[in-house]
PDB file of N, CA and C in Angstrom:
ATOM      1  N   UNK A   1       1.829  11.189 -41.964  1.00  0.00           N
ATOM      2  CA  UNK A   1       2.546  10.439 -40.944  1.00  0.00           C
ATOM      3  C   UNK A   1       2.099  10.921 -39.567  1.00  0.00           C
ATOM      4  N   UNK A   2       1.991   9.978 -38.671  1.00  0.00           N
ATOM      5  CA  UNK A   2       1.613  10.266 -37.294  1.00  0.00           C
ATOM      6  C   UNK A   2       2.670   9.699 -36.369  1.00  0.00           C
ATOM      7  N   UNK A   3       2.664  10.178 -35.145  1.00  0.00           N
ATOM      8  CA  UNK A   3       3.543   9.630 -34.118  1.00  0.00           C
ATOM      9  C   UNK A   3       2.827   9.716 -32.779  1.00  0.00           C
ATOM     10  N   UNK A   4       2.879   8.625 -32.033  1.00  0.00           N
ATOM     11  CA  UNK A   4       2.313   8.608 -30.693  1.00  0.00           C
ATOM     12  C   UNK A   4       3.326   8.005 -29.733  1.00  0.00           C
ATOM     13  N   UNK A   5       3.283   8.458 -28.498  1.00  0.00           N
ATOM     14  CA  UNK A   5       4.139   7.895 -27.458  1.00  0.00           C
ATOM     15  C   UNK A   5       3.311   6.894 -26.667  1.00  0.00           C
ATOM     16  N   UNK A   6       3.868   5.716 -26.446  1.00  0.00           N
ATOM     17  CA  UNK A   6       3.165   4.653 -25.737  1.00  0.00           C
ATOM     18  C   UNK A   6       4.078   4.003 -24.703  1.00  0.00           C
ATOM     19  N   UNK A   7       3.443   3.390 -23.726  1.00  0.00           N
ATOM     20  CA  UNK A   7       4.151   2.505 -22.789  1.00  0.00           C
ATOM     21  C   UNK A   7       3.604   1.116 -23.034  1.00  0.00           C
ATOM     22  N   UNK A   8       4.486   0.200 -23.376  1.00  0.00           N
ATOM     23  CA  UNK A   8       4.128  -1.185 -23.645  1.00  0.00           C
ATOM     24  C   UNK A   8       4.593  -2.024 -22.462  1.00  0.00           C
ATOM     25  N   UNK A   9       3.669  -2.748 -21.843  1.00  0.00           N
ATOM     26  CA  UNK A   9       4.008  -3.613 -20.718  1.00  0.00           C
ATOM     27  C   UNK A   9       3.773  -5.055 -21.149  1.00  0.00           C
ATOM     28  N   UNK A  10       4.824  -5.843 -21.052  1.00  0.00           N
ATOM     29  CA  UNK A  10       4.803  -7.212 -21.557  1.00  0.00           C
ATOM     30  C   UNK A  10       4.673  -8.215 -20.419  1.00  0.00           C
ATOM     31  N   UNK A  11       3.730  -9.152 -20.526  1.00  0.00           N
ATOM     32  CA  UNK A  11       3.653 -10.226 -19.535  1.00  0.00           C
ATOM     33  C   UNK A  11       4.783 -11.235 -19.771  1.00  0.00           C
ATOM     34  N   UNK A  12       4.993 -12.084 -18.807  1.00  0.00           N
ATOM     35  CA  UNK A  12       6.111 -13.024 -18.849  1.00  0.00           C
ATOM     36  C   UNK A  12       6.143 -13.865 -20.120  1.00  0.00           C
ATOM     37  N   UNK A  13       4.992 -14.334 -20.588  1.00  0.00           N
ATOM     38  CA  UNK A  13       4.994 -15.228 -21.754  1.00  0.00           C
ATOM     39  C   UNK A  13       5.373 -14.529 -23.058  1.00  0.00           C
ATOM     40  N   UNK A  14       5.452 -13.204 -23.051  1.00  0.00           N
ATOM     41  CA  UNK A  14       5.835 -12.475 -24.271  1.00  0.00           C
ATOM     42  C   UNK A  14       7.239 -11.868 -24.206  1.00  0.00           C
ATOM     43  N   UNK A  15       7.934 -12.038 -23.089  1.00  0.00           N
ATOM     44  CA  UNK A  15       9.248 -11.408 -22.923  1.00  0.00           C
ATOM     45  C   UNK A  15      10.225 -11.793 -24.035  1.00  0.00           C
ATOM     46  N   UNK A  16      10.218 -13.041 -24.442  1.00  0.00           N
ATOM     47  CA  UNK A  16      11.193 -13.503 -25.446  1.00  0.00           C
ATOM     48  C   UNK A  16      10.641 -13.503 -26.867  1.00  0.00           C
ATOM     49  N   UNK A  17       9.438 -12.983 -27.053  1.00  0.00           N
ATOM     50  CA  UNK A  17       8.834 -12.935 -28.388  1.00  0.00           C
ATOM     51  C   UNK A  17       9.239 -11.646 -29.103  1.00  0.00           C
ATOM     52  N   UNK A  18       9.423 -11.693 -30.421  1.00  0.00           N
ATOM     53  CA  UNK A  18       9.848 -10.511 -31.183  1.00  0.00           C
ATOM     54  C   UNK A  18       8.668  -9.600 -31.557  1.00  0.00           C
ATOM     55  N   UNK A  19       7.964  -9.116 -30.559  1.00  0.00           N
ATOM     56  CA  UNK A  19       6.756  -8.313 -30.785  1.00  0.00           C
ATOM     57  C   UNK A  19       7.080  -7.037 -31.554  1.00  0.00           C
ATOM     58  N   UNK A  20       8.106  -6.312 -31.139  1.00  0.00           N
ATOM     59  CA  UNK A  20       8.459  -5.048 -31.797  1.00  0.00           C
ATOM     60  C   UNK A  20       8.879  -5.301 -33.243  1.00  0.00           C
ATOM     61  N   UNK A  21       9.643  -6.337 -33.497  1.00  0.00           N
ATOM     62  CA  UNK A  21      10.054  -6.663 -34.866  1.00  0.00           C
ATOM     63  C   UNK A  21       8.843  -6.949 -35.742  1.00  0.00           C
ATOM     64  N   UNK A  22       7.858  -7.647 -35.199  1.00  0.00           N
ATOM     65  CA  UNK A  22       6.655  -7.947 -35.981  1.00  0.00           C
ATOM     66  C   UNK A  22       5.836  -6.691 -36.265  1.00  0.00           C
ATOM     67  N   UNK A  23       5.831  -5.743 -35.342  1.00  0.00           N
ATOM     68  CA  UNK A  23       5.137  -4.467 -35.571  1.00  0.00           C
ATOM     69  C   UNK A  23       5.756  -3.754 -36.773  1.00  0.00           C
ATOM     70  N   UNK A  24       7.079  -3.775 -36.836  1.00  0.00           N
ATOM     71  CA  UNK A  24       7.776  -3.141 -37.962  1.00  0.00           C
ATOM     72  C   UNK A  24       7.441  -3.853 -39.262  1.00  0.00           C
ATOM     73  N   UNK A  25       7.555  -5.176 -39.264  1.00  0.00           N
ATOM     74  CA  UNK A  25       7.360  -5.956 -40.485  1.00  0.00           C
ATOM     75  C   UNK A  25       5.909  -5.966 -40.967  1.00  0.00           C
ATOM     76  N   UNK A  26       4.977  -6.174 -40.065  1.00  0.00           N
ATOM     77  CA  UNK A  26       3.590  -6.384 -40.461  1.00  0.00           C
ATOM     78  C   UNK A  26       2.769  -5.105 -40.603  1.00  0.00           C
ATOM     79  N   UNK A  27       3.157  -4.043 -39.885  1.00  0.00           N
ATOM     80  CA  UNK A  27       2.334  -2.832 -39.890  1.00  0.00           C
ATOM     81  C   UNK A  27       3.067  -1.607 -40.424  1.00  0.00           C
ATOM     82  N   UNK A  28       4.346  -1.748 -40.771  1.00  0.00           N
ATOM     83  CA  UNK A  28       5.155  -0.638 -41.272  1.00  0.00           C
ATOM     84  C   UNK A  28       5.133   0.542 -40.291  1.00  0.00           C
ATOM     85  N   UNK A  29       5.224   0.206 -39.002  1.00  0.00           N
ATOM     86  CA  UNK A  29       5.288   1.202 -37.944  1.00  0.00           C
ATOM     87  C   UNK A  29       6.696   1.154 -37.368  1.00  0.00           C
ATOM     88  N   UNK A  30       7.309   2.324 -37.218  1.00  0.00           N
ATOM     89  CA  UNK A  30       8.682   2.400 -36.726  1.00  0.00           C
ATOM     90  C   UNK A  30       8.694   2.845 -35.267  1.00  0.00           C
ATOM     91  N   UNK A  31       9.233   2.003 -34.389  1.00  0.00           N
ATOM     92  CA  UNK A  31       9.337   2.407 -32.988  1.00  0.00           C
ATOM     93  C   UNK A  31      10.652   3.139 -32.712  1.00  0.00           C
ATOM     94  N   UNK A  32      10.584   4.130 -31.875  1.00  0.00           N
ATOM     95  CA  UNK A  32      11.771   4.819 -31.383  1.00  0.00           C
ATOM     96  C   UNK A  32      11.763   4.607 -29.870  1.00  0.00           C
ATOM     97  N   UNK A  33      12.551   3.647 -29.409  1.00  0.00           N
ATOM     98  CA  UNK A  33      12.544   3.275 -28.000  1.00  0.00           C
ATOM     99  C   UNK A  33      13.265   4.347 -27.185  1.00  0.00           C
ATOM    100  N   UNK A  34      12.546   4.880 -26.192  1.00  0.00           N
ATOM    101  CA  UNK A  34      13.083   5.959 -25.353  1.00  0.00           C
ATOM    102  C   UNK A  34      13.570   5.441 -24.006  1.00  0.00           C
ATOM    103  N   UNK A  35      12.864   4.459 -23.465  1.00  0.00           N
ATOM    104  CA  UNK A  35      13.236   3.842 -22.189  1.00  0.00           C
ATOM    105  C   UNK A  35      12.726   2.415 -22.184  1.00  0.00           C
ATOM    106  N   UNK A  36      13.400   1.567 -21.433  1.00  0.00           N
ATOM    107  CA  UNK A  36      12.947   0.183 -21.344  1.00  0.00           C
ATOM    108  C   UNK A  36      13.549  -0.490 -20.118  1.00  0.00           C
ATOM    109  N   UNK A  37      12.821  -1.470 -19.635  1.00  0.00           N
ATOM    110  CA  UNK A  37      13.324  -2.334 -18.573  1.00  0.00           C
ATOM    111  C   UNK A  37      12.736  -3.710 -18.835  1.00  0.00           C
ATOM    112  N   UNK A  38      13.626  -4.677 -19.023  1.00  0.00           N
ATOM    113  CA  UNK A  38      13.180  -6.040 -19.315  1.00  0.00           C
ATOM    114  C   UNK A  38      13.884  -6.983 -18.348  1.00  0.00           C
ATOM    115  N   UNK A  39      13.087  -7.788 -17.673  1.00  0.00           N
ATOM    116  CA  UNK A  39      13.598  -8.789 -16.752  1.00  0.00           C
ATOM    117  C   UNK A  39      13.059 -10.145 -17.198  1.00  0.00           C
ATOM    118  N   UNK A  40      13.366 -11.188 -16.459  1.00  0.00           N
ATOM    119  CA  UNK A  40      12.937 -12.534 -16.840  1.00  0.00           C
ATOM    120  C   UNK A  40      11.419 -12.699 -16.865  1.00  0.00           C
ATOM    121  N   UNK A  41      10.720 -12.009 -15.988  1.00  0.00           N
ATOM    122  CA  UNK A  41       9.279 -12.252 -15.866  1.00  0.00           C
ATOM    123  C   UNK A  41       8.416 -11.048 -16.185  1.00  0.00           C
ATOM    124  N   UNK A  42       9.012  -9.942 -16.592  1.00  0.00           N
ATOM    125  CA  UNK A  42       8.249  -8.712 -16.781  1.00  0.00           C
ATOM    126  C   UNK A  42       9.076  -7.742 -17.605  1.00  0.00           C
ATOM    127  N   UNK A  43       8.408  -6.930 -18.393  1.00  0.00           N
ATOM    128  CA  UNK A  43       9.140  -5.924 -19.137  1.00  0.00           C
ATOM    129  C   UNK A  43       8.250  -4.782 -19.574  1.00  0.00           C
ATOM    130  N   UNK A  44       8.846  -3.620 -19.738  1.00  0.00           N
ATOM    131  CA  UNK A  44       8.112  -2.478 -20.278  1.00  0.00           C
ATOM    132  C   UNK A  44       9.034  -1.657 -21.183  1.00  0.00           C
ATOM    133  N   UNK A  45       8.389  -0.977 -22.112  1.00  0.00           N
ATOM    134  CA  UNK A  45       9.091  -0.110 -23.057  1.00  0.00           C
ATOM    135  C   UNK A  45       8.277   1.165 -23.213  1.00  0.00           C
ATOM    136  N   UNK A  46       8.931   2.295 -23.162  1.00  0.00           N
ATOM    137  CA  UNK A  46       8.313   3.562 -23.549  1.00  0.00           C
ATOM    138  C   UNK A  46       8.903   3.904 -24.901  1.00  0.00           C
ATOM    139  N   UNK A  47       8.036   4.061 -25.894  1.00  0.00           N
ATOM    140  CA  UNK A  47       8.543   4.348 -27.236  1.00  0.00           C
ATOM    141  C   UNK A  47       7.577   5.242 -27.995  1.00  0.00           C
ATOM    142  N   UNK A  48       8.094   5.795 -29.057  1.00  0.00           N
ATOM    143  CA  UNK A  48       7.293   6.564 -30.002  1.00  0.00           C
ATOM    144  C   UNK A  48       7.048   5.678 -31.210  1.00  0.00           C
ATOM    145  N   UNK A  49       5.799   5.574 -31.619  1.00  0.00           N
ATOM    146  CA  UNK A  49       5.440   4.793 -32.801  1.00  0.00           C
ATOM    147  C   UNK A  49       5.170   5.766 -33.938  1.00  0.00           C
ATOM    148  N   UNK A  50       5.962   5.667 -34.999  1.00  0.00           N
ATOM    149  CA  UNK A  50       5.820   6.535 -36.168  1.00  0.00           C
ATOM    150  C   UNK A  50       5.266   5.735 -37.333  1.00  0.00           C
ATOM    151  N   UNK A  51       4.334   6.341 -38.067  1.00  0.00           N
ATOM    152  CA  UNK A  51       3.794   5.692 -39.250  1.00  0.00           C
ATOM    153  C   UNK A  51       2.439   6.266 -39.603  1.00  0.00           C
ATOM    154  N   UNK A  52       1.787   5.620 -40.521  1.00  0.00           N
ATOM    155  CA  UNK A  52       0.442   5.996 -40.924  1.00  0.00           C
ATOM    156  C   UNK A  52      -0.500   5.812 -39.726  1.00  0.00           C
ATOM    157  N   UNK A  53      -1.421   6.750 -39.530  1.00  0.00           N
ATOM    158  CA  UNK A  53      -2.339   6.704 -38.386  1.00  0.00           C
ATOM    159  C   UNK A  53      -3.070   5.368 -38.284  1.00  0.00           C
ATOM    160  N   UNK A  54      -3.608   4.880 -39.405  1.00  0.00           N
ATOM    161  CA  UNK A  54      -4.335   3.607 -39.391  1.00  0.00           C
ATOM    162  C   UNK A  54      -3.414   2.442 -39.057  1.00  0.00           C
ATOM    163  N   UNK A  55      -2.182   2.478 -39.545  1.00  0.00           N
ATOM    164  CA  UNK A  55      -1.221   1.411 -39.253  1.00  0.00           C
ATOM    165  C   UNK A  55      -0.869   1.375 -37.773  1.00  0.00           C
ATOM    166  N   UNK A  56      -0.715   2.537 -37.175  1.00  0.00           N
ATOM    167  CA  UNK A  56      -0.432   2.601 -35.740  1.00  0.00           C
ATOM    168  C   UNK A  56      -1.603   2.015 -34.953  1.00  0.00           C
ATOM    169  N   UNK A  57      -2.824   2.386 -35.315  1.00  0.00           N
ATOM    170  CA  UNK A  57      -4.007   1.846 -34.633  1.00  0.00           C
ATOM    171  C   UNK A  57      -4.085   0.330 -34.776  1.00  0.00           C
ATOM    172  N   UNK A  58      -3.797  -0.181 -35.966  1.00  0.00           N
ATOM    173  CA  UNK A  58      -3.826  -1.632 -36.180  1.00  0.00           C
ATOM    174  C   UNK A  58      -2.747  -2.326 -35.356  1.00  0.00           C
ATOM    175  N   UNK A  59      -1.568  -1.732 -35.282  1.00  0.00           N
ATOM    176  CA  UNK A  59      -0.477  -2.313 -34.499  1.00  0.00           C
ATOM    177  C   UNK A  59      -0.830  -2.345 -33.013  1.00  0.00           C
ATOM    178  N   UNK A  60      -1.413  -1.270 -32.515  1.00  0.00           N
ATOM    179  CA  UNK A  60      -1.818  -1.209 -31.109  1.00  0.00           C
ATOM    180  C   UNK A  60      -2.892  -2.259 -30.817  1.00  0.00           C
ATOM    181  N   UNK A  61      -3.868  -2.372 -31.684  1.00  0.00           N
ATOM    182  CA  UNK A  61      -4.929  -3.374 -31.516  1.00  0.00           C
ATOM    183  C   UNK A  61      -4.336  -4.776 -31.515  1.00  0.00           C
ATOM    184  N   UNK A  62      -3.408  -5.044 -32.421  1.00  0.00           N
ATOM    185  CA  UNK A  62      -2.772  -6.354 -32.513  1.00  0.00           C
ATOM    186  C   UNK A  62      -1.984  -6.668 -31.238  1.00  0.00           C
ATOM    187  N   UNK A  63      -1.194  -5.701 -30.753  1.00  0.00           N
ATOM    188  CA  UNK A  63      -0.416  -5.934 -29.543  1.00  0.00           C
ATOM    189  C   UNK A  63      -1.327  -6.195 -28.338  1.00  0.00           C
ATOM    190  N   UNK A  64      -2.404  -5.435 -28.233  1.00  0.00           N
ATOM    191  CA  UNK A  64      -3.352  -5.676 -27.142  1.00  0.00           C
ATOM    192  C   UNK A  64      -3.951  -7.072 -27.237  1.00  0.00           C
ATOM    193  N   UNK A  65      -4.223  -7.524 -28.451  1.00  0.00           N
ATOM    194  CA  UNK A  65      -4.752  -8.862 -28.659  1.00  0.00           C
ATOM    195  C   UNK A  65      -3.782  -9.951 -28.213  1.00  0.00           C
ATOM    196  N   UNK A  66      -2.488  -9.668 -28.304  1.00  0.00           N
ATOM    197  CA  UNK A  66      -1.468 -10.616 -27.847  1.00  0.00           C
ATOM    198  C   UNK A  66      -1.380 -10.684 -26.325  1.00  0.00           C
ATOM    199  N   UNK A  67      -1.797  -9.604 -25.675  1.00  0.00           N
ATOM    200  CA  UNK A  67      -1.681  -9.535 -24.223  1.00  0.00           C
ATOM    201  C   UNK A  67      -0.743  -8.454 -23.732  1.00  0.00           C
ATOM    202  N   UNK A  68      -0.249  -7.616 -24.656  1.00  0.00           N
ATOM    203  CA  UNK A  68       0.587  -6.483 -24.271  1.00  0.00           C
ATOM    204  C   UNK A  68      -0.329  -5.373 -23.773  1.00  0.00           C
ATOM    205  N   UNK A  69      -0.003  -4.821 -22.614  1.00  0.00           N
ATOM    206  CA  UNK A  69      -0.758  -3.667 -22.116  1.00  0.00           C
ATOM    207  C   UNK A  69      -0.205  -2.429 -22.817  1.00  0.00           C
ATOM    208  N   UNK A  70      -1.074  -1.701 -23.516  1.00  0.00           N
ATOM    209  CA  UNK A  70      -0.647  -0.525 -24.266  1.00  0.00           C
ATOM    210  C   UNK A  70      -1.297   0.705 -23.652  1.00  0.00           C
ATOM    211  N   UNK A  71      -0.474   1.584 -23.089  1.00  0.00           N
ATOM    212  CA  UNK A  71      -0.963   2.844 -22.532  1.00  0.00           C
ATOM    213  C   UNK A  71      -0.538   3.966 -23.461  1.00  0.00           C
ATOM    214  N   UNK A  72      -1.507   4.695 -23.982  1.00  0.00           N
ATOM    215  CA  UNK A  72      -1.207   5.827 -24.852  1.00  0.00           C
ATOM    216  C   UNK A  72      -0.792   7.006 -23.985  1.00  0.00           C
ATOM    217  N   UNK A  73       0.392   7.527 -24.237  1.00  0.00           N
ATOM    218  CA  UNK A  73       0.924   8.634 -23.457  1.00  0.00           C
ATOM    219  C   UNK A  73       0.737   9.973 -24.165  1.00  0.00           C
ATOM    220  N   UNK A  74       0.293   9.946 -25.402  1.00  0.00           N
ATOM    221  CA  UNK A  74       0.018  11.175 -26.128  1.00  0.00           C
ATOM    222  C   UNK A  74       0.745  11.251 -27.440  1.00  0.00           C
ATOM    223  N   UNK A  75       0.336  12.245 -28.228  1.00  0.00           N
ATOM    224  CA  UNK A  75       0.997  12.505 -29.503  1.00  0.00           C
ATOM    225  C   UNK A  75       2.382  13.065 -29.257  1.00  0.00           C
ATOM    226  N   UNK A  76       3.285  12.758 -30.148  1.00  0.00           N
ATOM    227  CA  UNK A  76       4.643  13.278 -30.070  1.00  0.00           C
ATOM    228  C   UNK A  76       4.665  14.650 -30.719  1.00  0.00           C
ATOM    229  N   UNK A  77       5.167  15.623 -30.011  1.00  0.00           N
ATOM    230  CA  UNK A  77       5.282  16.974 -30.563  1.00  0.00           C
ATOM    231  C   UNK A  77       6.734  17.220 -30.899  1.00  0.00           C
ATOM    232  N   UNK A  78       6.984  17.455 -32.165  1.00  0.00           N
ATOM    233  CA  UNK A  78       8.357  17.728 -32.610  1.00  0.00           C
ATOM    234  C   UNK A  78       8.677  19.183 -32.294  1.00  0.00           C
ATOM    235  N   UNK A  79       9.843  19.438 -31.779  1.00  0.00           N
ATOM    236  CA  UNK A  79      10.159  20.817 -31.436  1.00  0.00           C
ATOM    237  C   UNK A  79      11.563  21.064 -31.687  1.00  0.00           C
TER     238      UNK A  79
END
């Protein structure tokens, strides 16, 4: 199992789409949302993505393909 911290920035056309739900369903990646701000025309989420390393990479690639800006903030260190 791997975990990475990411910042997801959503453009206006994706604000009402269930992107996070699809990540869970299609890639078996579990998000742990730490912070978020969503408005009518813009939104961002800082979360930890937990799951198999390859599944996380596939989920990130898929989200980028949709138009979500994905910034990798680093591996999550459990302490």
